[in-house]
Amino acid sequence: MIASPLVPVPIPDGVAVLIGSCMPIHVLQAEVDAECAVREVNRFRMPLCTEDRADREHALSTLAQANKILGAYNPRLIIKPGRGF
């Protein structure tokens, strides 16, 4: 039986460490930054007040910067704001 690609499968911590040890530190940091920014962007609900709009734009900017690094390393690592976790 083949698992659906839409169902996330957790990977053991040891495997994650092994994968991470093969990647440059700045790429790992960009991945963490991107995931945090996506959570921040998805936290906001419409309608937005002025402060929330500014915070959301800042999170989108952080996500864009992280995605630039991730995309340069491997385009399949790019994280989109609408993606569920």
PDB file of N, CA and C in Angstrom:
ATOM      1  N   MET A   1       0.849  -1.173   0.000  1.00  0.00           N
ATOM      2  CA  MET A   1       0.000   0.000   0.000  1.00  0.00           C
ATOM      3  C   MET A   1       0.896   1.238   0.000  1.00  0.00           C
ATOM      4  N   ILE A   2       0.555   2.208  -0.791  1.00  0.00           N
ATOM      5  CA  ILE A   2       1.333   3.447  -0.896  1.00  0.00           C
ATOM      6  C   ILE A   2       0.626   4.540  -0.110  1.00  0.00           C
ATOM      7  N   ALA A   3       1.388   5.226   0.742  1.00  0.00           N
ATOM      8  CA  ALA A   3       0.826   6.323   1.525  1.00  0.00           C
ATOM      9  C   ALA A   3       0.577   7.527   0.638  1.00  0.00           C
ATOM     10  N   SER A   4      -0.445   8.272   0.951  1.00  0.00           N
ATOM     11  CA  SER A   4      -0.775   9.476   0.203  1.00  0.00           C
ATOM     12  C   SER A   4       0.312  10.526   0.410  1.00  0.00           C
ATOM     13  N   PRO A   5       0.701  11.255  -0.633  1.00  0.00           N
ATOM     14  CA  PRO A   5       1.714  12.303  -0.448  1.00  0.00           C
ATOM     15  C   PRO A   5       1.190  13.482   0.368  1.00  0.00           C
ATOM     16  N   LEU A   6      -0.121  13.557   0.581  1.00  0.00           N
ATOM     17  CA  LEU A   6      -0.699  14.660   1.344  1.00  0.00           C
ATOM     18  C   LEU A   6      -0.686  14.395   2.845  1.00  0.00           C
ATOM     19  N   VAL A   7      -0.438  13.151   3.248  1.00  0.00           N
ATOM     20  CA  VAL A   7      -0.412  12.815   4.664  1.00  0.00           C
ATOM     21  C   VAL A   7       1.018  12.928   5.167  1.00  0.00           C
ATOM     22  N   PRO A   8       1.275  13.859   6.100  1.00  0.00           N
ATOM     23  CA  PRO A   8       2.640  13.999   6.602  1.00  0.00           C
ATOM     24  C   PRO A   8       3.031  12.788   7.456  1.00  0.00           C
ATOM     25  N   VAL A   9       4.217  12.304   7.227  1.00  0.00           N
ATOM     26  CA  VAL A   9       4.737  11.176   7.990  1.00  0.00           C
ATOM     27  C   VAL A   9       5.892  11.692   8.834  1.00  0.00           C
ATOM     28  N   PRO A  10       5.793  11.561  10.157  1.00  0.00           N
ATOM     29  CA  PRO A  10       6.889  12.058  11.000  1.00  0.00           C
ATOM     30  C   PRO A  10       8.161  11.230  10.801  1.00  0.00           C
ATOM     31  N   ILE A  11       9.284  11.914  10.861  1.00  0.00           N
ATOM     32  CA  ILE A  11      10.554  11.200  10.755  1.00  0.00           C
ATOM     33  C   ILE A  11      11.205  11.197  12.133  1.00  0.00           C
ATOM     34  N   PRO A  12      11.897  10.129  12.476  1.00  0.00           N
ATOM     35  CA  PRO A  12      12.555  10.065  13.786  1.00  0.00           C
ATOM     36  C   PRO A  12      13.609  11.173  13.938  1.00  0.00           C
ATOM     37  N   ASP A  13      13.859  11.567  15.169  1.00  0.00           N
ATOM     38  CA  ASP A  13      14.827  12.629  15.441  1.00  0.00           C
ATOM     39  C   ASP A  13      16.214  12.278  14.918  1.00  0.00           C
ATOM     40  N   GLY A  14      16.603  11.039  15.034  1.00  0.00           N
ATOM     41  CA  GLY A  14      17.920  10.619  14.547  1.00  0.00           C
ATOM     42  C   GLY A  14      18.071  10.817  13.049  1.00  0.00           C
ATOM     43  N   VAL A  15      17.008  10.549  12.311  1.00  0.00           N
ATOM     44  CA  VAL A  15      17.035  10.745  10.858  1.00  0.00           C
ATOM     45  C   VAL A  15      17.096  12.231  10.533  1.00  0.00           C
ATOM     46  N   ALA A  16      16.337  13.039  11.273  1.00  0.00           N
ATOM     47  CA  ALA A  16      16.367  14.485  11.057  1.00  0.00           C
ATOM     48  C   ALA A  16      17.762  15.056  11.323  1.00  0.00           C
ATOM     49  N   VAL A  17      18.419  14.561  12.351  1.00  0.00           N
ATOM     50  CA  VAL A  17      19.785  15.011  12.665  1.00  0.00           C
ATOM     51  C   VAL A  17      20.737  14.612  11.549  1.00  0.00           C
ATOM     52  N   LEU A  18      20.586  13.409  11.033  1.00  0.00           N
ATOM     53  CA  LEU A  18      21.438  12.953   9.927  1.00  0.00           C
ATOM     54  C   LEU A  18      21.247  13.824   8.687  1.00  0.00           C
ATOM     55  N   ILE A  19      20.000  14.130   8.370  1.00  0.00           N
ATOM     56  CA  ILE A  19      19.714  14.983   7.211  1.00  0.00           C
ATOM     57  C   ILE A  19      20.298  16.371   7.442  1.00  0.00           C
ATOM     58  N   GLY A  20      20.082  16.898   8.647  1.00  0.00           N
ATOM     59  CA  GLY A  20      20.584  18.230   8.974  1.00  0.00           C
ATOM     60  C   GLY A  20      22.092  18.332   8.952  1.00  0.00           C
ATOM     61  N   SER A  21      22.782  17.243   9.290  1.00  0.00           N
ATOM     62  CA  SER A  21      24.242  17.285   9.302  1.00  0.00           C
ATOM     63  C   SER A  21      24.828  17.371   7.896  1.00  0.00           C
ATOM     64  N   CYS A  22      24.038  17.075   6.897  1.00  0.00           N
ATOM     65  CA  CYS A  22      24.503  17.130   5.507  1.00  0.00           C
ATOM     66  C   CYS A  22      24.225  18.482   4.857  1.00  0.00           C
ATOM     67  N   MET A  23      23.531  19.368   5.569  1.00  0.00           N
ATOM     68  CA  MET A  23      23.155  20.671   5.003  1.00  0.00           C
ATOM     69  C   MET A  23      23.957  21.779   5.676  1.00  0.00           C
ATOM     70  N   PRO A  24      24.233  22.853   4.933  1.00  0.00           N
ATOM     71  CA  PRO A  24      24.917  24.002   5.540  1.00  0.00           C
ATOM     72  C   PRO A  24      24.067  24.648   6.646  1.00  0.00           C
ATOM     73  N   ILE A  25      24.731  25.230   7.616  1.00  0.00           N
ATOM     74  CA  ILE A  25      24.044  25.837   8.765  1.00  0.00           C
ATOM     75  C   ILE A  25      23.084  26.946   8.323  1.00  0.00           C
ATOM     76  N   HIS A  26      23.493  27.779   7.362  1.00  0.00           N
ATOM     77  CA  HIS A  26      22.622  28.890   6.958  1.00  0.00           C
ATOM     78  C   HIS A  26      21.335  28.380   6.305  1.00  0.00           C
ATOM     79  N   VAL A  27      21.373  27.219   5.667  1.00  0.00           N
ATOM     80  CA  VAL A  27      20.170  26.644   5.065  1.00  0.00           C
ATOM     81  C   VAL A  27      19.255  26.097   6.158  1.00  0.00           C
ATOM     82  N   LEU A  28      19.831  25.451   7.158  1.00  0.00           N
ATOM     83  CA  LEU A  28      19.022  24.963   8.283  1.00  0.00           C
ATOM     84  C   LEU A  28      18.355  26.117   9.017  1.00  0.00           C
ATOM     85  N   GLN A  29      19.092  27.207   9.220  1.00  0.00           N
ATOM     86  CA  GLN A  29      18.517  28.376   9.891  1.00  0.00           C
ATOM     87  C   GLN A  29      17.410  28.981   9.047  1.00  0.00           C
ATOM     88  N   ALA A  30      17.592  29.028   7.733  1.00  0.00           N
ATOM     89  CA  ALA A  30      16.555  29.558   6.845  1.00  0.00           C
ATOM     90  C   ALA A  30      15.301  28.688   6.904  1.00  0.00           C
ATOM     91  N   GLU A  31      15.470  27.383   7.023  1.00  0.00           N
ATOM     92  CA  GLU A  31      14.312  26.492   7.121  1.00  0.00           C
ATOM     93  C   GLU A  31      13.521  26.758   8.403  1.00  0.00           C
ATOM     94  N   VAL A  32      14.229  26.930   9.505  1.00  0.00           N
ATOM     95  CA  VAL A  32      13.570  27.243  10.778  1.00  0.00           C
ATOM     96  C   VAL A  32      12.866  28.582  10.689  1.00  0.00           C
ATOM     97  N   ASP A  33      13.544  29.596  10.130  1.00  0.00           N
ATOM     98  CA  ASP A  33      12.950  30.922   9.985  1.00  0.00           C
ATOM     99  C   ASP A  33      11.694  30.878   9.120  1.00  0.00           C
ATOM    100  N   ALA A  34      11.744  30.119   8.029  1.00  0.00           N
ATOM    101  CA  ALA A  34      10.599  30.020   7.127  1.00  0.00           C
ATOM    102  C   ALA A  34       9.412  29.357   7.812  1.00  0.00           C
ATOM    103  N   GLU A  35       9.652  28.290   8.544  1.00  0.00           N
ATOM    104  CA  GLU A  35       8.558  27.608   9.229  1.00  0.00           C
ATOM    105  C   GLU A  35       7.933  28.497  10.303  1.00  0.00           C
ATOM    106  N   CYS A  36       8.753  29.244  11.034  1.00  0.00           N
ATOM    107  CA  CYS A  36       8.228  30.174  12.041  1.00  0.00           C
ATOM    108  C   CYS A  36       7.425  31.294  11.384  1.00  0.00           C
ATOM    109  N   ALA A  37       7.918  31.804  10.260  1.00  0.00           N
ATOM    110  CA  ALA A  37       7.219  32.869   9.549  1.00  0.00           C
ATOM    111  C   ALA A  37       5.876  32.387   9.006  1.00  0.00           C
ATOM    112  N   VAL A  38       5.816  31.153   8.509  1.00  0.00           N
ATOM    113  CA  VAL A  38       4.550  30.612   8.007  1.00  0.00           C
ATOM    114  C   VAL A  38       3.539  30.507   9.142  1.00  0.00           C
ATOM    115  N   ARG A  39       3.992  30.022  10.295  1.00  0.00           N
ATOM    116  CA  ARG A  39       3.082  29.946  11.448  1.00  0.00           C
ATOM    117  C   ARG A  39       2.565  31.335  11.823  1.00  0.00           C
ATOM    118  N   GLU A  40       3.451  32.316  11.783  1.00  0.00           N
ATOM    119  CA  GLU A  40       3.067  33.688  12.118  1.00  0.00           C
ATOM    120  C   GLU A  40       2.064  34.236  11.095  1.00  0.00           C
ATOM    121  N   VAL A  41       2.308  34.005   9.823  1.00  0.00           N
ATOM    122  CA  VAL A  41       1.405  34.499   8.776  1.00  0.00           C
ATOM    123  C   VAL A  41       0.035  33.845   8.913  1.00  0.00           C
ATOM    124  N   ASN A  42       0.000  32.555   9.165  1.00  0.00           N
ATOM    125  CA  ASN A  42      -1.272  31.836   9.272  1.00  0.00           C
ATOM    126  C   ASN A  42      -2.036  32.157  10.547  1.00  0.00           C
ATOM    127  N   ARG A  43      -1.381  32.795  11.489  1.00  0.00           N
ATOM    128  CA  ARG A  43      -2.025  33.161  12.755  1.00  0.00           C
ATOM    129  C   ARG A  43      -3.038  34.290  12.578  1.00  0.00           C
ATOM    130  N   PHE A  44      -2.833  35.136  11.610  1.00  0.00           N
ATOM    131  CA  PHE A  44      -3.692  36.303  11.423  1.00  0.00           C
ATOM    132  C   PHE A  44      -4.965  35.951  10.672  1.00  0.00           C
ATOM    133  N   ARG A  45      -6.075  36.537  11.102  1.00  0.00           N
ATOM    134  CA  ARG A  45      -7.363  36.361  10.448  1.00  0.00           C
ATOM    135  C   ARG A  45      -7.879  37.719  10.012  1.00  0.00           C
ATOM    136  N   MET A  46      -8.631  37.732   8.934  1.00  0.00           N
ATOM    137  CA  MET A  46      -9.183  38.981   8.417  1.00  0.00           C
ATOM    138  C   MET A  46     -10.373  39.398   9.261  1.00  0.00           C
ATOM    139  N   PRO A  47     -10.713  40.644   9.377  1.00  0.00           N
ATOM    140  CA  PRO A  47      -9.998  41.831   8.923  1.00  0.00           C
ATOM    141  C   PRO A  47      -8.837  42.167   9.859  1.00  0.00           C
ATOM    142  N   LEU A  48      -7.805  42.755   9.299  1.00  0.00           N
ATOM    143  CA  LEU A  48      -6.595  43.076  10.059  1.00  0.00           C
ATOM    144  C   LEU A  48      -6.569  44.550  10.438  1.00  0.00           C
ATOM    145  N   CYS A  49      -6.173  44.816  11.690  1.00  0.00           N
ATOM    146  CA  CYS A  49      -5.942  46.203  12.079  1.00  0.00           C
ATOM    147  C   CYS A  49      -4.562  46.615  11.554  1.00  0.00           C
ATOM    148  N   THR A  50      -4.197  47.847  11.744  1.00  0.00           N
ATOM    149  CA  THR A  50      -2.941  48.371  11.213  1.00  0.00           C
ATOM    150  C   THR A  50      -1.730  47.638  11.779  1.00  0.00           C
ATOM    151  N   GLU A  51      -1.728  47.390  13.087  1.00  0.00           N
ATOM    152  CA  GLU A  51      -0.594  46.690  13.700  1.00  0.00           C
ATOM    153  C   GLU A  51      -0.484  45.255  13.200  1.00  0.00           C
ATOM    154  N   ASP A  52      -1.627  44.566  13.095  1.00  0.00           N
ATOM    155  CA  ASP A  52      -1.608  43.186  12.595  1.00  0.00           C
ATOM    156  C   ASP A  52      -1.148  43.127  11.147  1.00  0.00           C
ATOM    157  N   ARG A  53      -1.553  44.096  10.353  1.00  0.00           N
ATOM    158  CA  ARG A  53      -1.131  44.132   8.953  1.00  0.00           C
ATOM    159  C   ARG A  53       0.379  44.305   8.859  1.00  0.00           C
ATOM    160  N   ALA A  54       0.934  45.175   9.700  1.00  0.00           N
ATOM    161  CA  ALA A  54       2.386  45.388   9.711  1.00  0.00           C
ATOM    162  C   ALA A  54       3.119  44.129  10.170  1.00  0.00           C
ATOM    163  N   ASP A  55       2.593  43.462  11.200  1.00  0.00           N
ATOM    164  CA  ASP A  55       3.215  42.225  11.680  1.00  0.00           C
ATOM    165  C   ASP A  55       3.160  41.129  10.627  1.00  0.00           C
ATOM    166  N   ARG A  56       2.029  41.040   9.917  1.00  0.00           N
ATOM    167  CA  ARG A  56       1.889  40.028   8.866  1.00  0.00           C
ATOM    168  C   ARG A  56       2.858  40.305   7.720  1.00  0.00           C
ATOM    169  N   GLU A  57       2.990  41.569   7.344  1.00  0.00           N
ATOM    170  CA  GLU A  57       3.928  41.936   6.282  1.00  0.00           C
ATOM    171  C   GLU A  57       5.368  41.639   6.688  1.00  0.00           C
ATOM    172  N   HIS A  58       5.692  41.852   7.948  1.00  0.00           N
ATOM    173  CA  HIS A  58       7.041  41.532   8.436  1.00  0.00           C
ATOM    174  C   HIS A  58       7.300  40.031   8.362  1.00  0.00           C
ATOM    175  N   ALA A  59       6.295  39.236   8.740  1.00  0.00           N
ATOM    176  CA  ALA A  59       6.434  37.779   8.669  1.00  0.00           C
ATOM    177  C   ALA A  59       6.574  37.323   7.213  1.00  0.00           C
ATOM    178  N   LEU A  60       5.821  37.941   6.302  1.00  0.00           N
ATOM    179  CA  LEU A  60       5.943  37.604   4.883  1.00  0.00           C
ATOM    180  C   LEU A  60       7.324  37.980   4.348  1.00  0.00           C
ATOM    181  N   SER A  61       7.867  39.090   4.831  1.00  0.00           N
ATOM    182  CA  SER A  61       9.210  39.499   4.421  1.00  0.00           C
ATOM    183  C   SER A  61      10.260  38.497   4.914  1.00  0.00           C
ATOM    184  N   THR A  62      10.117  38.060   6.161  1.00  0.00           N
ATOM    185  CA  THR A  62      11.027  37.052   6.709  1.00  0.00           C
ATOM    186  C   THR A  62      10.930  35.752   5.915  1.00  0.00           C
ATOM    187  N   LEU A  63       9.711  35.375   5.569  1.00  0.00           N
ATOM    188  CA  LEU A  63       9.501  34.160   4.773  1.00  0.00           C
ATOM    189  C   LEU A  63      10.155  34.294   3.400  1.00  0.00           C
ATOM    190  N   ALA A  64      10.029  35.443   2.773  1.00  0.00           N
ATOM    191  CA  ALA A  64      10.638  35.648   1.451  1.00  0.00           C
ATOM    192  C   ALA A  64      12.161  35.562   1.524  1.00  0.00           C
ATOM    193  N   GLN A  65      12.746  36.149   2.565  1.00  0.00           N
ATOM    194  CA  GLN A  65      14.197  36.084   2.723  1.00  0.00           C
ATOM    195  C   GLN A  65      14.668  34.648   2.940  1.00  0.00           C
ATOM    196  N   ALA A  66      13.948  33.913   3.778  1.00  0.00           N
ATOM    197  CA  ALA A  66      14.317  32.520   4.040  1.00  0.00           C
ATOM    198  C   ALA A  66      14.134  31.675   2.782  1.00  0.00           C
ATOM    199  N   ASN A  67      13.046  31.913   2.043  1.00  0.00           N
ATOM    200  CA  ASN A  67      12.797  31.155   0.819  1.00  0.00           C
ATOM    201  C   ASN A  67      13.847  31.430  -0.249  1.00  0.00           C
ATOM    202  N   LYS A  68      14.411  32.617  -0.246  1.00  0.00           N
ATOM    203  CA  LYS A  68      15.470  32.936  -1.204  1.00  0.00           C
ATOM    204  C   LYS A  68      16.691  32.049  -0.953  1.00  0.00           C
ATOM    205  N   ILE A  69      17.031  31.861   0.308  1.00  0.00           N
ATOM    206  CA  ILE A  69      18.162  30.994   0.666  1.00  0.00           C
ATOM    207  C   ILE A  69      17.826  29.536   0.368  1.00  0.00           C
ATOM    208  N   LEU A  70      16.617  29.113   0.765  1.00  0.00           N
ATOM    209  CA  LEU A  70      16.211  27.732   0.532  1.00  0.00           C
ATOM    210  C   LEU A  70      16.129  27.413  -0.957  1.00  0.00           C
ATOM    211  N   GLY A  71      15.610  28.341  -1.739  1.00  0.00           N
ATOM    212  CA  GLY A  71      15.484  28.131  -3.176  1.00  0.00           C
ATOM    213  C   GLY A  71      16.827  28.061  -3.875  1.00  0.00           C
ATOM    214  N   ALA A  72      17.790  28.812  -3.376  1.00  0.00           N
ATOM    215  CA  ALA A  72      19.128  28.762  -3.967  1.00  0.00           C
ATOM    216  C   ALA A  72      19.796  27.416  -3.684  1.00  0.00           C
ATOM    217  N   TYR A  73      19.497  26.841  -2.515  1.00  0.00           N
ATOM    218  CA  TYR A  73      20.085  25.550  -2.158  1.00  0.00           C
ATOM    219  C   TYR A  73      19.359  24.405  -2.873  1.00  0.00           C
ATOM    220  N   ASN A  74      18.016  24.433  -2.799  1.00  0.00           N
ATOM    221  CA  ASN A  74      17.197  23.416  -3.449  1.00  0.00           C
ATOM    222  C   ASN A  74      15.791  23.987  -3.620  1.00  0.00           C
ATOM    223  N   PRO A  75      15.339  24.215  -4.843  1.00  0.00           N
ATOM    224  CA  PRO A  75      14.022  24.834  -5.063  1.00  0.00           C
ATOM    225  C   PRO A  75      12.848  24.066  -4.435  1.00  0.00           C
ATOM    226  N   ARG A  76      13.017  22.783  -4.179  1.00  0.00           N
ATOM    227  CA  ARG A  76      11.918  22.015  -3.573  1.00  0.00           C
ATOM    228  C   ARG A  76      11.778  22.282  -2.074  1.00  0.00           C
ATOM    229  N   LEU A  77      12.691  23.034  -1.473  1.00  0.00           N
ATOM    230  CA  LEU A  77      12.619  23.347  -0.044  1.00  0.00           C
ATOM    231  C   LEU A  77      11.781  24.591   0.251  1.00  0.00           C
ATOM    232  N   ILE A  78      11.385  25.312  -0.782  1.00  0.00           N
ATOM    233  CA  ILE A  78      10.619  26.551  -0.589  1.00  0.00           C
ATOM    234  C   ILE A  78       9.305  26.238   0.136  1.00  0.00           C
ATOM    235  N   ILE A  79       8.984  27.075   1.120  1.00  0.00           N
ATOM    236  CA  ILE A  79       7.780  26.892   1.930  1.00  0.00           C
ATOM    237  C   ILE A  79       6.795  27.996   1.587  1.00  0.00           C
ATOM    238  N   LYS A  80       5.539  27.614   1.338  1.00  0.00           N
ATOM    239  CA  LYS A  80       4.493  28.584   0.989  1.00  0.00           C
ATOM    240  C   LYS A  80       3.623  28.876   2.210  1.00  0.00           C
ATOM    241  N   PRO A  81       3.083  30.099   2.313  1.00  0.00           N
ATOM    242  CA  PRO A  81       2.312  30.476   3.495  1.00  0.00           C
ATOM    243  C   PRO A  81       1.020  29.676   3.690  1.00  0.00           C
ATOM    244  N   GLY A  82       0.415  29.177   2.635  1.00  0.00           N
ATOM    245  CA  GLY A  82      -0.845  28.465   2.774  1.00  0.00           C
ATOM    246  C   GLY A  82      -0.711  27.009   3.142  1.00  0.00           C
ATOM    247  N   ARG A  83       0.520  26.512   3.192  1.00  0.00           N
ATOM    248  CA  ARG A  83       0.731  25.093   3.453  1.00  0.00           C
ATOM    249  C   ARG A  83       0.399  24.749   4.894  1.00  0.00           C
ATOM    250  N   GLY A  84      -0.380  23.705   5.088  1.00  0.00           N
ATOM    251  CA  GLY A  84      -0.730  23.267   6.435  1.00  0.00           C
ATOM    252  C   GLY A  84       0.332  22.359   7.013  1.00  0.00           C
ATOM    253  N   PHE A  85       0.405  22.323   8.332  1.00  0.00           N
ATOM    254  CA  PHE A  85       1.388  21.476   9.004  1.00  0.00           C
ATOM    255  C   PHE A  85       0.698  20.350   9.712  1.00  0.00           C
TER     256      PHE A  85
END
